[in-house]
N, C-alpha and C. Protein backbone atom coordinates (compact mmCIF):
# COMPACT_ATOMS: atom_id res chain seq x y z
N MET A 1 -45.92 -3.93 -11.02
CA MET A 1 -46.99 -4.00 -12.00
C MET A 1 -47.55 -5.41 -12.02
N ALA A 2 -48.81 -5.45 -12.26
CA ALA A 2 -49.46 -6.76 -12.29
C ALA A 2 -48.89 -7.61 -13.41
N GLY A 3 -48.63 -8.86 -13.09
CA GLY A 3 -48.14 -9.79 -14.09
C GLY A 3 -46.65 -9.75 -14.32
N ILE A 4 -45.93 -8.86 -13.62
CA ILE A 4 -44.47 -8.78 -13.78
C ILE A 4 -43.81 -9.16 -12.46
N ASN A 5 -42.99 -10.17 -12.55
CA ASN A 5 -42.23 -10.58 -11.38
C ASN A 5 -40.86 -9.91 -11.39
N LEU A 6 -40.52 -9.24 -10.33
CA LEU A 6 -39.23 -8.56 -10.24
C LEU A 6 -38.22 -9.43 -9.50
N ASN A 7 -37.02 -9.45 -10.03
CA ASN A 7 -35.91 -10.17 -9.40
C ASN A 7 -34.71 -9.24 -9.37
N PRO A 8 -34.62 -8.36 -8.38
CA PRO A 8 -33.57 -7.35 -8.38
C PRO A 8 -32.18 -7.97 -8.39
N GLN A 9 -31.26 -7.20 -8.96
CA GLN A 9 -29.85 -7.62 -8.97
C GLN A 9 -29.36 -7.78 -7.53
N LEU A 10 -28.77 -8.93 -7.24
CA LEU A 10 -28.23 -9.16 -5.91
C LEU A 10 -27.04 -8.24 -5.67
N VAL A 11 -27.07 -7.54 -4.57
CA VAL A 11 -25.99 -6.62 -4.23
C VAL A 11 -25.28 -7.14 -2.98
N THR A 12 -23.98 -7.27 -3.09
CA THR A 12 -23.18 -7.72 -1.95
C THR A 12 -22.07 -6.72 -1.70
N ASN A 13 -21.45 -6.82 -0.56
CA ASN A 13 -20.31 -5.97 -0.26
C ASN A 13 -19.26 -6.78 0.48
N ALA A 14 -18.02 -6.32 0.34
CA ALA A 14 -16.93 -6.98 1.05
C ALA A 14 -17.10 -6.75 2.54
N GLY A 15 -16.85 -7.79 3.33
CA GLY A 15 -17.02 -7.68 4.76
C GLY A 15 -16.20 -6.57 5.38
N GLY A 16 -16.81 -5.81 6.25
CA GLY A 16 -16.10 -4.76 6.95
C GLY A 16 -15.95 -3.46 6.19
N ARG A 17 -16.62 -3.32 5.06
CA ARG A 17 -16.46 -2.12 4.24
C ARG A 17 -17.38 -0.98 4.63
N PHE A 18 -18.51 -1.27 5.21
CA PHE A 18 -19.48 -0.21 5.49
C PHE A 18 -19.63 0.00 6.99
N HIS A 19 -18.63 0.66 7.54
CA HIS A 19 -18.64 1.00 8.95
C HIS A 19 -18.46 2.51 9.08
N VAL A 20 -18.89 3.04 10.19
CA VAL A 20 -18.66 4.46 10.43
C VAL A 20 -17.18 4.74 10.51
N TYR A 21 -16.46 3.82 11.16
CA TYR A 21 -15.02 3.99 11.34
C TYR A 21 -14.29 3.04 10.41
N SER A 22 -13.58 3.56 9.42
CA SER A 22 -12.92 2.70 8.45
C SER A 22 -11.42 2.98 8.33
N GLU A 23 -10.89 3.85 9.17
CA GLU A 23 -9.47 4.17 9.09
C GLU A 23 -8.64 3.06 9.70
N GLY A 24 -7.56 2.70 9.03
CA GLY A 24 -6.66 1.68 9.54
C GLY A 24 -5.35 1.72 8.80
N TYR A 25 -4.42 0.87 9.22
CA TYR A 25 -3.09 0.84 8.61
C TYR A 25 -2.75 -0.58 8.17
N VAL A 26 -1.74 -0.68 7.33
CA VAL A 26 -1.22 -1.97 6.89
C VAL A 26 0.21 -2.08 7.39
N GLN A 27 0.49 -3.13 8.14
CA GLN A 27 1.84 -3.34 8.66
C GLN A 27 2.86 -3.26 7.53
N GLY A 28 3.94 -2.53 7.79
CA GLY A 28 5.03 -2.47 6.83
C GLY A 28 4.92 -1.37 5.80
N GLU A 29 3.85 -0.58 5.86
CA GLU A 29 3.72 0.55 4.94
C GLU A 29 4.21 1.81 5.63
N ALA A 30 5.07 2.55 4.95
CA ALA A 30 5.52 3.85 5.46
C ALA A 30 4.57 4.92 4.95
N LEU A 31 4.21 5.86 5.81
CA LEU A 31 3.31 6.93 5.42
C LEU A 31 3.99 7.85 4.42
N ASP A 32 3.22 8.36 3.46
CA ASP A 32 3.77 9.26 2.46
C ASP A 32 4.32 10.52 3.10
N ASP A 33 5.50 10.89 2.70
CA ASP A 33 6.14 12.10 3.21
C ASP A 33 7.20 12.54 2.20
N PRO A 34 6.93 13.64 1.47
CA PRO A 34 7.88 14.08 0.45
C PRO A 34 9.26 14.45 1.00
N ALA A 35 9.32 14.80 2.27
CA ALA A 35 10.61 15.17 2.85
C ALA A 35 11.44 13.96 3.27
N ILE A 36 10.78 12.80 3.39
CA ILE A 36 11.46 11.61 3.90
C ILE A 36 11.66 10.54 2.83
N ARG A 37 10.88 10.58 1.77
CA ARG A 37 10.87 9.46 0.82
C ARG A 37 12.24 9.19 0.19
N ASN A 38 13.09 10.22 0.09
CA ASN A 38 14.41 10.01 -0.49
C ASN A 38 15.35 9.27 0.45
N SER A 39 14.90 9.02 1.67
CA SER A 39 15.70 8.24 2.62
C SER A 39 15.42 6.75 2.51
N LEU A 40 14.49 6.37 1.62
CA LEU A 40 14.18 4.95 1.41
C LEU A 40 15.42 4.25 0.86
N CYS A 41 15.79 3.14 1.47
CA CYS A 41 16.99 2.41 1.08
C CYS A 41 16.62 1.07 0.45
N ALA A 42 17.41 0.67 -0.52
CA ALA A 42 17.23 -0.63 -1.17
C ALA A 42 18.14 -1.64 -0.49
N GLY A 43 17.56 -2.79 -0.17
CA GLY A 43 18.36 -3.84 0.45
C GLY A 43 18.10 -5.17 -0.23
N VAL A 44 18.92 -6.13 0.06
CA VAL A 44 18.71 -7.48 -0.44
C VAL A 44 18.75 -8.41 0.76
N VAL A 45 17.82 -9.35 0.79
CA VAL A 45 17.76 -10.29 1.92
C VAL A 45 19.02 -11.15 1.93
N ASP A 46 19.60 -11.28 3.10
CA ASP A 46 20.82 -12.06 3.29
C ASP A 46 20.69 -13.42 2.61
N PRO A 47 21.63 -13.76 1.71
CA PRO A 47 21.55 -15.06 1.02
C PRO A 47 21.56 -16.26 1.94
N THR A 48 22.03 -16.08 3.18
CA THR A 48 22.08 -17.21 4.11
C THR A 48 20.85 -17.28 5.01
N TYR A 49 19.93 -16.30 4.88
CA TYR A 49 18.76 -16.29 5.76
C TYR A 49 17.74 -17.31 5.25
N ALA A 50 17.27 -18.18 6.14
CA ALA A 50 16.45 -19.32 5.73
C ALA A 50 14.97 -19.00 5.54
N ASN A 51 14.43 -17.99 6.25
CA ASN A 51 13.02 -17.69 6.17
C ASN A 51 12.75 -16.51 5.25
N ALA A 52 11.48 -16.19 5.07
CA ALA A 52 11.11 -15.06 4.25
C ALA A 52 11.03 -13.79 5.10
N MET A 53 11.14 -12.64 4.43
CA MET A 53 11.01 -11.35 5.10
C MET A 53 9.86 -10.57 4.48
N PHE A 54 9.35 -9.59 5.24
CA PHE A 54 8.22 -8.79 4.78
C PHE A 54 8.31 -7.41 5.44
N GLY A 55 7.41 -6.53 5.12
CA GLY A 55 7.41 -5.19 5.67
C GLY A 55 7.06 -5.16 7.15
N GLY A 56 7.65 -4.21 7.87
CA GLY A 56 7.33 -4.05 9.28
C GLY A 56 8.19 -4.86 10.21
N MET A 57 9.35 -5.31 9.73
CA MET A 57 10.27 -6.08 10.56
C MET A 57 11.44 -5.20 10.98
N GLY A 58 11.90 -5.38 12.22
CA GLY A 58 13.13 -4.74 12.64
C GLY A 58 14.29 -5.44 11.95
N ILE A 59 15.17 -4.67 11.31
CA ILE A 59 16.24 -5.29 10.51
C ILE A 59 17.62 -4.84 10.98
N THR A 60 18.59 -5.65 10.62
CA THR A 60 19.99 -5.27 10.75
C THR A 60 20.60 -5.38 9.36
N GLU A 61 21.57 -4.54 9.09
CA GLU A 61 22.17 -4.54 7.75
C GLU A 61 23.67 -4.73 7.84
N SER A 62 24.22 -5.21 6.76
CA SER A 62 25.67 -5.40 6.67
C SER A 62 26.12 -5.09 5.25
N LEU A 63 27.41 -4.92 5.08
CA LEU A 63 27.96 -4.66 3.76
C LEU A 63 28.05 -5.96 2.97
N ILE A 64 28.21 -5.81 1.67
CA ILE A 64 28.29 -6.99 0.82
C ILE A 64 29.54 -7.80 1.13
N THR A 65 29.49 -9.08 0.81
CA THR A 65 30.65 -9.95 0.90
C THR A 65 31.30 -10.02 -0.47
N PRO A 66 32.51 -9.50 -0.64
CA PRO A 66 33.15 -9.52 -1.96
C PRO A 66 33.16 -10.91 -2.56
N GLY A 67 32.78 -10.98 -3.83
CA GLY A 67 32.74 -12.25 -4.52
C GLY A 67 31.46 -13.03 -4.32
N THR A 68 30.60 -12.53 -3.43
CA THR A 68 29.33 -13.21 -3.18
C THR A 68 28.15 -12.41 -3.71
N GLU A 69 28.06 -11.14 -3.31
CA GLU A 69 26.99 -10.27 -3.79
C GLU A 69 27.55 -9.27 -4.79
N ALA A 70 26.66 -8.78 -5.66
CA ALA A 70 27.07 -7.80 -6.66
C ALA A 70 27.48 -6.50 -5.98
N SER A 71 28.44 -5.81 -6.56
CA SER A 71 28.94 -4.58 -5.97
C SER A 71 27.90 -3.47 -5.97
N ALA A 72 26.85 -3.60 -6.80
CA ALA A 72 25.81 -2.57 -6.85
C ALA A 72 24.87 -2.63 -5.65
N ILE A 73 24.91 -3.72 -4.91
CA ILE A 73 24.03 -3.88 -3.75
C ILE A 73 24.51 -2.97 -2.63
N MET A 74 23.58 -2.20 -2.09
CA MET A 74 23.94 -1.25 -1.04
C MET A 74 24.04 -1.92 0.33
N SER A 75 23.04 -2.69 0.70
CA SER A 75 23.03 -3.31 2.03
C SER A 75 22.41 -4.69 1.96
N VAL A 76 22.96 -5.59 2.73
CA VAL A 76 22.39 -6.92 2.91
C VAL A 76 21.63 -6.89 4.23
N ILE A 77 20.37 -7.30 4.24
CA ILE A 77 19.55 -7.18 5.44
C ILE A 77 19.01 -8.54 5.90
N LYS A 78 18.73 -8.60 7.18
CA LYS A 78 18.05 -9.74 7.79
C LYS A 78 17.42 -9.25 9.08
N PRO A 79 16.53 -10.03 9.69
CA PRO A 79 15.90 -9.56 10.92
C PRO A 79 16.92 -9.29 12.03
N ALA A 80 16.73 -8.18 12.74
CA ALA A 80 17.58 -7.88 13.89
C ALA A 80 17.22 -8.83 15.02
N THR A 81 18.15 -9.03 15.92
CA THR A 81 17.93 -9.92 17.05
C THR A 81 17.96 -9.19 18.39
N SER A 82 18.42 -7.93 18.40
CA SER A 82 18.48 -7.16 19.64
C SER A 82 18.67 -5.69 19.30
N GLN A 83 18.58 -4.86 20.30
CA GLN A 83 18.79 -3.44 20.10
C GLN A 83 20.21 -3.17 19.60
N ALA A 84 21.13 -4.02 19.98
CA ALA A 84 22.53 -3.83 19.60
C ALA A 84 22.74 -3.86 18.09
N ASN A 85 21.92 -4.66 17.37
CA ASN A 85 22.12 -4.72 15.92
C ASN A 85 20.92 -4.21 15.12
N LEU A 86 19.96 -3.55 15.78
CA LEU A 86 18.83 -2.96 15.07
C LEU A 86 19.28 -1.70 14.35
N THR A 87 19.09 -1.67 13.02
CA THR A 87 19.49 -0.49 12.25
C THR A 87 18.33 0.17 11.52
N GLY A 88 17.18 -0.49 11.44
CA GLY A 88 16.05 0.10 10.74
C GLY A 88 14.86 -0.85 10.69
N PHE A 89 13.90 -0.50 9.79
CA PHE A 89 12.70 -1.31 9.63
C PHE A 89 12.41 -1.52 8.15
N SER A 90 12.05 -2.74 7.79
CA SER A 90 11.71 -3.05 6.40
C SER A 90 10.33 -2.50 6.07
N VAL A 91 10.12 -2.18 4.79
CA VAL A 91 8.82 -1.66 4.33
C VAL A 91 8.46 -2.29 3.00
N PHE A 92 7.17 -2.28 2.71
CA PHE A 92 6.69 -2.75 1.42
C PHE A 92 6.84 -1.68 0.34
N ASN A 93 6.96 -0.43 0.72
CA ASN A 93 7.01 0.67 -0.23
C ASN A 93 8.07 0.45 -1.32
N GLN A 94 7.63 0.47 -2.57
CA GLN A 94 8.50 0.35 -3.74
C GLN A 94 9.36 -0.91 -3.74
N SER A 95 8.97 -1.90 -2.98
CA SER A 95 9.68 -3.19 -3.02
C SER A 95 9.05 -4.02 -4.13
N ALA A 96 9.71 -4.08 -5.25
CA ALA A 96 9.13 -4.71 -6.43
C ALA A 96 9.40 -6.22 -6.46
N ALA A 97 8.52 -6.93 -7.13
CA ALA A 97 8.69 -8.36 -7.43
C ALA A 97 8.69 -9.26 -6.20
N LEU A 98 7.99 -8.85 -5.15
CA LEU A 98 7.84 -9.75 -4.01
C LEU A 98 6.87 -10.87 -4.39
N ILE A 99 6.95 -11.97 -3.71
CA ILE A 99 6.18 -13.17 -4.08
C ILE A 99 4.87 -13.24 -3.30
N GLN A 100 3.76 -13.45 -4.04
CA GLN A 100 2.44 -13.66 -3.46
C GLN A 100 1.80 -14.87 -4.12
N THR A 101 1.06 -15.64 -3.34
CA THR A 101 0.30 -16.76 -3.88
C THR A 101 -1.08 -16.73 -3.25
N PRO A 102 -2.04 -17.46 -3.81
CA PRO A 102 -3.37 -17.51 -3.19
C PRO A 102 -3.33 -17.99 -1.74
N GLN A 103 -2.41 -18.92 -1.43
CA GLN A 103 -2.31 -19.44 -0.08
C GLN A 103 -1.52 -18.50 0.83
N SER A 104 -0.63 -17.71 0.24
CA SER A 104 0.24 -16.81 1.00
C SER A 104 0.19 -15.42 0.36
N PRO A 105 -0.87 -14.66 0.66
CA PRO A 105 -1.10 -13.39 -0.04
C PRO A 105 -0.22 -12.23 0.38
N VAL A 106 0.49 -12.35 1.49
CA VAL A 106 1.39 -11.27 1.92
C VAL A 106 2.62 -11.27 1.02
N PRO A 107 3.03 -10.12 0.47
CA PRO A 107 4.24 -10.07 -0.36
C PRO A 107 5.47 -10.46 0.47
N LEU A 108 6.22 -11.44 -0.01
CA LEU A 108 7.38 -11.96 0.72
C LEU A 108 8.65 -11.86 -0.11
N ALA A 109 9.77 -11.69 0.59
CA ALA A 109 11.08 -11.70 -0.05
C ALA A 109 11.92 -12.79 0.60
N SER A 110 12.45 -13.68 -0.21
CA SER A 110 13.31 -14.73 0.32
C SER A 110 14.77 -14.36 0.09
N ALA A 111 15.66 -15.25 0.43
CA ALA A 111 17.09 -15.00 0.32
C ALA A 111 17.47 -14.46 -1.05
N SER A 112 18.26 -13.40 -1.06
CA SER A 112 18.80 -12.74 -2.27
C SER A 112 17.78 -11.90 -3.02
N MET A 113 16.55 -11.78 -2.51
CA MET A 113 15.56 -10.91 -3.13
C MET A 113 15.64 -9.52 -2.51
N GLY A 114 15.14 -8.53 -3.26
CA GLY A 114 15.17 -7.16 -2.78
C GLY A 114 14.03 -6.85 -1.83
N LEU A 115 14.33 -6.03 -0.81
CA LEU A 115 13.32 -5.56 0.12
C LEU A 115 13.80 -4.21 0.65
N ASN A 116 12.96 -3.20 0.54
CA ASN A 116 13.37 -1.85 0.94
C ASN A 116 13.23 -1.65 2.44
N PHE A 117 13.90 -0.61 2.94
CA PHE A 117 13.87 -0.33 4.38
C PHE A 117 14.22 1.13 4.63
N TYR A 118 13.88 1.57 5.84
CA TYR A 118 14.30 2.89 6.33
C TYR A 118 15.22 2.68 7.52
N ARG A 119 16.27 3.49 7.60
CA ARG A 119 17.19 3.42 8.72
C ARG A 119 16.68 4.21 9.91
N LEU A 120 17.11 3.81 11.10
CA LEU A 120 16.84 4.60 12.29
C LEU A 120 17.43 5.99 12.10
N GLY A 121 16.70 7.00 12.52
CA GLY A 121 17.16 8.37 12.36
C GLY A 121 16.64 9.03 11.11
N SER A 122 15.97 8.27 10.23
CA SER A 122 15.44 8.83 8.99
C SER A 122 14.18 9.65 9.22
N ARG A 123 13.52 9.45 10.36
CA ARG A 123 12.25 10.06 10.73
C ARG A 123 11.09 9.55 9.88
N ALA A 124 11.28 8.40 9.26
CA ALA A 124 10.18 7.76 8.52
C ALA A 124 9.12 7.32 9.52
N ARG A 125 7.86 7.35 9.07
CA ARG A 125 6.73 6.93 9.90
C ARG A 125 6.19 5.62 9.34
N ILE A 126 6.31 4.56 10.10
CA ILE A 126 6.03 3.21 9.61
C ILE A 126 4.99 2.53 10.50
N ALA A 127 4.06 1.83 9.85
CA ALA A 127 3.06 1.04 10.58
C ALA A 127 3.67 -0.29 10.98
N VAL A 128 3.63 -0.57 12.29
CA VAL A 128 4.14 -1.85 12.79
C VAL A 128 3.06 -2.52 13.63
N GLN A 129 3.21 -3.81 13.79
CA GLN A 129 2.25 -4.56 14.60
C GLN A 129 2.38 -4.17 16.06
N LEU A 130 1.23 -4.00 16.69
CA LEU A 130 1.18 -3.60 18.10
C LEU A 130 0.47 -4.69 18.89
N ASP A 131 1.06 -5.12 19.96
CA ASP A 131 0.44 -6.15 20.80
C ASP A 131 -0.86 -5.62 21.37
N SER A 132 -1.95 -6.35 21.15
CA SER A 132 -3.26 -5.87 21.58
C SER A 132 -3.36 -5.69 23.08
N ALA A 133 -2.64 -6.50 23.81
CA ALA A 133 -2.72 -6.43 25.27
C ALA A 133 -2.13 -5.16 25.83
N VAL A 134 -1.24 -4.52 25.07
CA VAL A 134 -0.59 -3.31 25.58
C VAL A 134 -1.02 -2.06 24.82
N ALA A 135 -1.95 -2.20 23.89
CA ALA A 135 -2.40 -1.04 23.12
C ALA A 135 -2.99 0.03 24.02
N THR A 136 -3.76 -0.38 25.01
CA THR A 136 -4.38 0.59 25.90
C THR A 136 -3.35 1.27 26.80
N THR A 137 -2.22 0.63 27.01
CA THR A 137 -1.16 1.25 27.79
C THR A 137 -0.62 2.48 27.09
N LEU A 138 -0.55 2.39 25.76
CA LEU A 138 -0.04 3.51 24.98
C LEU A 138 -1.09 4.59 24.77
N GLN A 139 -2.36 4.22 24.81
CA GLN A 139 -3.42 5.19 24.54
C GLN A 139 -3.38 6.33 25.56
N GLY A 140 -3.26 7.52 25.03
CA GLY A 140 -3.23 8.69 25.88
C GLY A 140 -1.91 8.90 26.59
N GLY A 141 -0.91 8.07 26.30
CA GLY A 141 0.39 8.21 26.95
C GLY A 141 1.30 9.17 26.22
N ALA A 142 2.41 9.51 26.84
CA ALA A 142 3.38 10.42 26.24
C ALA A 142 4.04 9.75 25.04
N VAL A 143 4.34 10.55 24.01
CA VAL A 143 4.92 9.98 22.80
C VAL A 143 6.35 9.52 23.01
N ASN A 144 6.98 9.96 24.08
CA ASN A 144 8.38 9.59 24.30
C ASN A 144 8.56 8.57 25.42
N GLN A 145 7.50 7.83 25.74
CA GLN A 145 7.64 6.83 26.79
C GLN A 145 8.44 5.64 26.30
N ALA A 146 8.95 4.85 27.24
CA ALA A 146 9.79 3.70 26.89
C ALA A 146 9.00 2.68 26.09
N LEU A 147 9.58 2.18 25.02
CA LEU A 147 8.94 1.19 24.17
C LEU A 147 9.88 0.01 23.99
N TYR A 148 9.29 -1.14 23.65
CA TYR A 148 10.07 -2.36 23.54
C TYR A 148 9.68 -3.11 22.26
N TRP A 149 10.65 -3.75 21.64
CA TRP A 149 10.40 -4.49 20.41
C TRP A 149 10.60 -5.98 20.65
N ASP A 150 9.62 -6.74 20.22
CA ASP A 150 9.67 -8.19 20.31
C ASP A 150 10.29 -8.71 19.01
N TYR A 151 11.56 -9.11 19.06
CA TYR A 151 12.28 -9.52 17.86
C TYR A 151 11.86 -10.89 17.35
N THR A 152 11.20 -11.66 18.20
CA THR A 152 10.72 -12.97 17.77
C THR A 152 9.42 -12.85 16.99
N ASN A 153 8.48 -12.08 17.52
CA ASN A 153 7.17 -11.94 16.90
C ASN A 153 7.00 -10.66 16.09
N GLN A 154 8.06 -9.84 16.02
CA GLN A 154 8.05 -8.62 15.21
C GLN A 154 6.86 -7.72 15.54
N LYS A 155 6.78 -7.34 16.81
CA LYS A 155 5.71 -6.44 17.22
C LYS A 155 6.19 -5.51 18.33
N LEU A 156 5.46 -4.42 18.47
CA LEU A 156 5.81 -3.41 19.47
C LEU A 156 5.11 -3.71 20.79
N LEU A 157 5.88 -3.62 21.86
CA LEU A 157 5.36 -3.79 23.20
C LEU A 157 5.52 -2.48 23.96
N ALA A 158 4.72 -2.30 24.97
CA ALA A 158 4.83 -1.10 25.79
C ALA A 158 5.29 -1.43 27.19
N ALA A 159 5.79 -2.62 27.38
CA ALA A 159 6.28 -3.05 28.68
C ALA A 159 7.42 -4.03 28.45
N PRO A 160 8.28 -4.20 29.44
CA PRO A 160 9.38 -5.17 29.28
C PRO A 160 8.86 -6.53 28.84
N GLY A 161 9.67 -7.20 28.08
CA GLY A 161 9.27 -8.46 27.45
C GLY A 161 9.90 -8.50 26.08
N GLY A 162 10.37 -7.33 25.66
CA GLY A 162 11.14 -7.19 24.44
C GLY A 162 12.39 -6.41 24.79
N THR A 163 12.97 -5.74 23.79
CA THR A 163 14.17 -4.94 23.99
C THR A 163 13.83 -3.49 23.76
N ALA A 164 14.25 -2.61 24.65
CA ALA A 164 13.95 -1.18 24.51
C ALA A 164 14.49 -0.63 23.20
N ILE A 165 13.68 0.19 22.54
CA ILE A 165 14.12 0.82 21.30
C ILE A 165 13.77 2.31 21.36
N ALA A 166 14.55 3.10 20.64
CA ALA A 166 14.36 4.55 20.66
C ALA A 166 13.54 4.99 19.46
N VAL A 167 12.23 4.81 19.54
CA VAL A 167 11.31 5.28 18.51
C VAL A 167 10.19 6.05 19.19
N LYS A 168 9.46 6.80 18.40
CA LYS A 168 8.36 7.59 18.93
C LYS A 168 7.05 7.10 18.33
N VAL A 169 6.07 6.80 19.18
CA VAL A 169 4.74 6.43 18.69
C VAL A 169 3.95 7.70 18.43
N ILE A 170 3.45 7.85 17.19
CA ILE A 170 2.69 9.05 16.86
C ILE A 170 1.23 8.77 16.57
N ASP A 171 0.86 7.49 16.47
CA ASP A 171 -0.54 7.14 16.29
C ASP A 171 -0.73 5.67 16.62
N ILE A 172 -1.95 5.33 17.01
CA ILE A 172 -2.32 3.95 17.31
C ILE A 172 -3.64 3.66 16.62
N ASN A 173 -3.77 2.45 16.07
CA ASN A 173 -5.05 2.04 15.51
C ASN A 173 -5.54 0.81 16.27
N PHE A 174 -6.76 0.90 16.78
CA PHE A 174 -7.32 -0.16 17.61
C PHE A 174 -8.21 -1.10 16.81
N GLY A 175 -7.67 -2.22 16.42
CA GLY A 175 -8.49 -3.29 15.85
C GLY A 175 -9.04 -3.08 14.47
N ASN A 176 -8.45 -2.19 13.68
CA ASN A 176 -8.97 -1.99 12.32
C ASN A 176 -7.84 -1.97 11.29
N SER A 177 -6.76 -2.69 11.59
CA SER A 177 -5.60 -2.71 10.71
C SER A 177 -5.30 -4.12 10.23
N LYS A 178 -4.41 -4.21 9.25
CA LYS A 178 -3.98 -5.49 8.71
C LYS A 178 -2.53 -5.73 9.13
N VAL A 179 -2.27 -6.89 9.73
CA VAL A 179 -0.91 -7.24 10.11
C VAL A 179 -0.57 -8.62 9.56
N VAL A 180 0.72 -8.91 9.52
CA VAL A 180 1.21 -10.15 8.93
C VAL A 180 1.25 -11.26 9.96
N SER A 181 0.74 -12.42 9.56
CA SER A 181 0.87 -13.63 10.36
C SER A 181 1.71 -14.61 9.55
N TYR A 182 2.96 -14.82 10.00
CA TYR A 182 3.91 -15.64 9.24
C TYR A 182 4.19 -16.96 9.95
N ASN A 183 4.09 -18.05 9.20
CA ASN A 183 4.39 -19.38 9.73
C ASN A 183 5.74 -19.82 9.16
N SER A 184 6.76 -19.81 10.01
CA SER A 184 8.10 -20.14 9.53
C SER A 184 8.21 -21.61 9.13
N GLY A 185 7.32 -22.44 9.65
CA GLY A 185 7.36 -23.86 9.30
C GLY A 185 6.89 -24.14 7.89
N THR A 186 5.82 -23.44 7.48
CA THR A 186 5.28 -23.64 6.14
C THR A 186 5.75 -22.58 5.14
N GLY A 187 6.25 -21.44 5.65
CA GLY A 187 6.65 -20.36 4.77
C GLY A 187 5.47 -19.55 4.27
N ILE A 188 4.30 -19.76 4.85
CA ILE A 188 3.09 -19.06 4.41
C ILE A 188 2.83 -17.85 5.30
N ALA A 189 2.48 -16.74 4.66
CA ALA A 189 2.16 -15.51 5.39
C ALA A 189 0.78 -15.03 4.97
N THR A 190 -0.09 -14.83 5.93
CA THR A 190 -1.44 -14.36 5.65
C THR A 190 -1.69 -13.04 6.39
N TRP A 191 -2.73 -12.34 5.94
CA TRP A 191 -3.11 -11.10 6.61
C TRP A 191 -4.08 -11.39 7.74
N THR A 192 -3.85 -10.77 8.87
CA THR A 192 -4.79 -10.80 9.97
C THR A 192 -5.50 -9.46 10.01
N ASN A 193 -6.81 -9.47 9.82
CA ASN A 193 -7.58 -8.23 9.85
C ASN A 193 -8.02 -7.92 11.28
N ASN A 194 -8.57 -6.74 11.46
CA ASN A 194 -9.04 -6.31 12.78
C ASN A 194 -7.94 -6.38 13.83
N ALA A 195 -6.74 -6.01 13.40
CA ALA A 195 -5.58 -6.08 14.28
C ALA A 195 -5.17 -4.68 14.74
N TYR A 196 -4.19 -4.64 15.62
CA TYR A 196 -3.70 -3.41 16.21
C TYR A 196 -2.37 -3.00 15.60
N THR A 197 -2.22 -1.72 15.29
CA THR A 197 -0.97 -1.21 14.77
C THR A 197 -0.60 0.09 15.47
N ALA A 198 0.68 0.41 15.38
CA ALA A 198 1.17 1.71 15.84
C ALA A 198 1.98 2.33 14.72
N ILE A 199 1.87 3.64 14.59
CA ILE A 199 2.76 4.34 13.66
C ILE A 199 3.93 4.83 14.48
N ILE A 200 5.12 4.36 14.13
CA ILE A 200 6.31 4.78 14.85
C ILE A 200 7.16 5.67 13.95
N GLU A 201 7.72 6.69 14.53
CA GLU A 201 8.68 7.53 13.82
C GLU A 201 10.06 7.06 14.22
N ILE A 202 10.83 6.63 13.24
CA ILE A 202 12.15 6.08 13.55
C ILE A 202 13.26 7.09 13.23
């Protein structure tokens, strides 16, 4: 209208929200499954472990040390170092009171804090970090092909360079997932977007 200047409300959107393809996964999240959810286990991070833990890590568990941990604790967990001591994978699901800060937005559990996990054989389906260089190797491949776990970088490989593990890949996401980037020197963990993940059935 003549004499009226319009100044429409500025509309913005979060980056990456309006794409045709928006499906992705978050490392360390187990997919909902009413038949499997009762297999979720409560653990406590080993009091002697120096770094923080988060969802999507290969873990090893041990029994409590009498006189050190409370008898109510079911399992003491820390990152696994090889197939020989791999017993499951940590998850964010129902892990309460994890620590987040503006600088370190990934929920973290330090020594003696609780962090949930699923054991191998539970058939839980968990999103784990997938090495981008080998994602195409898995694409279109058999679900029971040999897979390898990188215990240093906590990611799935499809070729030697890690340790063989007996899990089944049931889905892959190419470049539209969130994975954890952890700096053990600073203790800060941030999310890396546009990353690769695999859903593994353990």
